[in-house]
Amino acid sequence: MTTHAYWMVLCKTPDCRSAIVLRYVGPYEGDPPAFFLPEIEPDPFEQMCTRCDKSHKYTQGDLGVWSSPYTLELGETPQI
């Protein structure tokens, strides 16, 4: 089964903490390779959470790489 990698941030709303999909990195099979996080401009950037409808500022340090067996849409807030 193919697994998909995404750059995501976690919503900063205390009661939400949903993952927000920012960018699709690509598919991989087997052991995950090392994915390098992009340089994001502007830094900080603002992102809206579609689950709690709140917007927060994020920095490069907030980015993470998550994987999913499912294809996710940009801005989607899956349960992780």
Protein backbone atom coordinates (compact mmCIF):
# COMPACT_ATOMS: atom_id res chain seq x y z
CA MET A 1 0.00 0.00 0.00
CA THR A 2 1.26 3.46 -0.86
CA THR A 3 1.59 5.96 1.95
CA HIS A 4 1.37 9.70 1.32
CA ALA A 5 3.49 12.35 3.06
CA TYR A 6 2.27 15.87 3.87
CA TRP A 7 3.64 19.05 5.42
CA MET A 8 1.26 20.01 8.22
CA VAL A 9 0.88 22.22 11.25
CA LEU A 10 -1.18 21.58 14.38
CA CYS A 11 -3.97 24.07 15.13
CA LYS A 12 -3.02 26.25 18.09
CA THR A 13 -6.56 26.42 19.49
CA PRO A 14 -6.31 24.46 22.79
CA ASP A 15 -9.62 22.60 22.34
CA CYS A 16 -8.92 21.76 18.67
CA ARG A 17 -5.28 20.79 17.99
CA SER A 18 -6.23 19.45 14.53
CA ALA A 19 -3.59 18.79 11.90
CA ILE A 20 -3.86 21.20 8.96
CA VAL A 21 -2.59 19.94 5.59
CA LEU A 22 -0.38 22.59 3.95
CA ARG A 23 1.30 20.74 1.10
CA TYR A 24 1.49 17.29 -0.42
CA VAL A 25 5.09 16.00 -0.39
CA GLY A 26 4.61 12.78 -2.33
CA PRO A 27 3.98 9.06 -2.11
CA TYR A 28 6.40 6.55 -0.67
CA GLU A 29 6.39 2.82 -0.07
CA GLY A 30 8.22 1.00 2.68
CA ASP A 31 10.43 2.94 5.07
CA PRO A 32 9.78 6.67 4.94
CA PRO A 33 12.64 8.65 3.40
CA ALA A 34 13.91 11.85 5.00
CA PHE A 35 11.73 14.75 3.94
CA PHE A 36 13.14 18.23 4.21
CA LEU A 37 10.79 20.99 5.29
CA PRO A 38 10.47 23.92 2.88
CA GLU A 39 11.48 27.48 3.51
CA ILE A 40 8.14 29.20 4.08
CA GLU A 41 7.71 32.85 3.16
CA PRO A 42 6.48 34.91 4.81
CA ASP A 43 7.65 33.65 8.17
CA PRO A 44 5.48 33.78 10.23
CA PHE A 45 2.51 32.85 8.05
CA GLU A 46 -1.17 32.72 8.92
CA GLN A 47 -3.33 29.62 8.48
CA MET A 48 -7.05 29.05 9.06
CA CYS A 49 -8.28 25.82 10.66
CA THR A 50 -11.42 24.52 8.96
CA ARG A 51 -12.40 22.51 12.04
CA CYS A 52 -12.57 25.35 14.61
CA ASP A 53 -12.71 28.30 12.13
CA LYS A 54 -9.85 30.13 13.88
CA SER A 55 -6.73 31.54 12.29
CA HIS A 56 -3.27 31.43 13.89
CA LYS A 57 0.27 32.48 13.00
CA TYR A 58 2.83 29.71 12.43
CA THR A 59 6.58 29.68 11.87
CA GLN A 60 8.98 27.33 10.14
CA GLY A 61 9.42 25.54 13.48
CA ASP A 62 5.71 24.63 13.60
CA LEU A 63 5.91 22.57 10.39
CA GLY A 64 6.03 18.80 10.53
CA VAL A 65 5.84 15.87 8.12
CA TRP A 66 2.96 13.45 8.64
CA SER A 67 2.00 10.40 6.65
CA SER A 68 -1.35 8.92 5.77
CA PRO A 69 -2.57 5.95 3.73
CA TYR A 70 -5.23 8.32 2.38
CA THR A 71 -5.06 11.16 -0.12
CA LEU A 72 -5.81 14.38 1.78
CA GLU A 73 -6.88 17.77 0.44
CA LEU A 74 -4.93 20.96 1.18
CA GLY A 75 -6.44 22.72 4.19
CA GLU A 76 -8.07 19.48 5.37
CA THR A 77 -7.97 18.75 9.09
CA PRO A 78 -7.70 14.96 9.46
CA GLN A 79 -7.58 13.16 12.79
CA ILE A 80 -3.98 12.08 13.45
